[in-house]
Structures are given as structure tokens and as C-alpha cells.
Amino acid sequence: GGINEENIREVFEAGADYAAVISALAESKEPGKKLRKLLKRVTK
């Protein structure tokens, strides 16, 4: 738990194939925007 846009890249660099970001999206006032930010962090 606790995966967010600040640490999601580290999660994948550590070898994860997937990341559950449910809290990050559920707690956001703009979940679509938050999801795009998370994806940008991973795909850079």
C-alpha cells in the first residue's frame, strides 16, 4: 500500500510487474488526472 506518484517509479524499478494505486485514485478529487500522472511516471 501507499503507492503514489512520488514512489511508483521505484516500485517498478524494484521489479514489480503491476502496482495497485487504489488509494491514490480514490483519495484524489480528479482520479483521471491522477492516473495520467502515475502513468507518466512509469512510462518516462
C-alpha atoms as a PDB file:
ATOM      1  CA  GLY A   1       0.000   0.000   0.000  1.00  0.00           C
ATOM      2  CA  GLY A   2       0.936   3.631  -0.159  1.00  0.00           C
ATOM      3  CA  ILE A   3       1.962   3.665  -3.799  1.00  0.00           C
ATOM      4  CA  ASN A   4       1.671   7.152  -5.214  1.00  0.00           C
ATOM      5  CA  GLU A   5       3.214   9.370  -7.886  1.00  0.00           C
ATOM      6  CA  GLU A   6       6.251  10.024  -5.690  1.00  0.00           C
ATOM      7  CA  ASN A   7       7.231   6.361  -5.341  1.00  0.00           C
ATOM      8  CA  ILE A   8       5.615   4.446  -8.210  1.00  0.00           C
ATOM      9  CA  ARG A   9       8.756   4.512 -10.359  1.00  0.00           C
ATOM     10  CA  GLU A  10      10.752   2.899  -7.541  1.00  0.00           C
ATOM     11  CA  VAL A  11       8.168   0.122  -7.321  1.00  0.00           C
ATOM     12  CA  PHE A  12       8.710  -0.812 -10.961  1.00  0.00           C
ATOM     13  CA  GLU A  13      12.475  -0.321 -10.791  1.00  0.00           C
ATOM     14  CA  ALA A  14      12.458  -2.848  -7.945  1.00  0.00           C
ATOM     15  CA  GLY A  15      10.965  -5.418 -10.320  1.00  0.00           C
ATOM     16  CA  ALA A  16       7.200  -5.169  -9.909  1.00  0.00           C
ATOM     17  CA  ASP A  17       5.068  -6.047 -12.926  1.00  0.00           C
ATOM     18  CA  TYR A  18       1.958  -4.353 -11.528  1.00  0.00           C
ATOM     19  CA  ALA A  19       1.051  -1.724  -8.950  1.00  0.00           C
ATOM     20  CA  ALA A  20      -2.255  -1.212  -7.148  1.00  0.00           C
ATOM     21  CA  VAL A  21      -2.869   2.513  -6.779  1.00  0.00           C
ATOM     22  CA  ILE A  22      -6.420   2.337  -5.468  1.00  0.00           C
ATOM     23  CA  SER A  23      -5.926   4.691  -2.516  1.00  0.00           C
ATOM     24  CA  ALA A  24      -4.094   7.244  -4.652  1.00  0.00           C
ATOM     25  CA  LEU A  25      -7.023   7.317  -7.079  1.00  0.00           C
ATOM     26  CA  ALA A  26      -9.837   7.030  -4.521  1.00  0.00           C
ATOM     27  CA  GLU A  27      -8.470   9.905  -2.444  1.00  0.00           C
ATOM     28  CA  SER A  28      -7.985  12.180  -5.450  1.00  0.00           C
ATOM     29  CA  LYS A  29     -10.538  14.819  -6.409  1.00  0.00           C
ATOM     30  CA  GLU A  30      -9.532  14.209 -10.043  1.00  0.00           C
ATOM     31  CA  PRO A  31      -8.771  10.477 -10.377  1.00  0.00           C
ATOM     32  CA  GLY A  32      -8.413  10.610 -14.161  1.00  0.00           C
ATOM     33  CA  LYS A  33      -5.776  13.308 -13.902  1.00  0.00           C
ATOM     34  CA  LYS A  34      -4.043  11.414 -11.091  1.00  0.00           C
ATOM     35  CA  LEU A  35      -3.970   8.230 -13.181  1.00  0.00           C
ATOM     36  CA  ARG A  36      -2.380  10.075 -16.100  1.00  0.00           C
ATOM     37  CA  LYS A  37       0.307  11.461 -13.765  1.00  0.00           C
ATOM     38  CA  LEU A  38       1.009   7.989 -12.384  1.00  0.00           C
ATOM     39  CA  LEU A  39       1.294   6.527 -15.877  1.00  0.00           C
ATOM     40  CA  LYS A  40       3.668   9.295 -16.961  1.00  0.00           C
ATOM     41  CA  ARG A  41       5.956   8.483 -14.032  1.00  0.00           C
ATOM     42  CA  VAL A  42       6.102   4.844 -15.068  1.00  0.00           C
ATOM     43  CA  THR A  43       6.462   5.317 -18.821  1.00  0.00           C
ATOM     44  CA  LYS A  44       9.144   8.039 -18.823  1.00  0.00           C
END
